[in-house]
Every structure is written in structure tokens, then in C-alpha cells.
Amino acid sequence: MRKTIPLLASLATLAAVTFPAQAQAADRYCLQGRIWGYPGNCQFATYQQCAASASGTDAYCGLNPRYSFPQRRRPY
């Protein structure tokens, strides 16, 4: 029992560190247009994925504003 708790804690820490980094890479491009608004549907990792979803519609692809305009830290 004493060995299981540290093992589970280390696995939870590893999962918490690994998965957010992968989630951030998946929202690089946004599907934008009249239906989607701004910033739009930001679930595309590549421009090609976004362009394939926009094909045949009145939508277009743009860079996610989180990457275009990163927040700057204010000095104290």
C-alpha cells in the first residue's frame, strides 16, 4: 500500500505535465467566417486540416489569436 500511493502520484504528475502540452498544439488554426465568428472554431493543428473543413463553405482559416497576440507579462 505504501508503494502504490507514490507510484500513483508520480503517474498523475506525469500525465498532468504531458497532456496539456499536446492540447496546446491542437489549436493552432481557427476556422473563421460569418457562422463561426471570431476567433472561430480553433481545433485544428495544421492549416491543411482547417482548409479541408472550410472547403465548400463561406469560411476561411486564420491563426489562433492566442499565438498571434501572446499575453505579455506586466513588470511589477
Foldseek 3Di string as FASTA:
>chain_A
DVVVVVVVVVVVVVCVVPPVVVQVLQQFKAKDDPVQHPPGHRGHNDLVVSVVVCPPHRIHMDTHVCVVPPDDDDDD
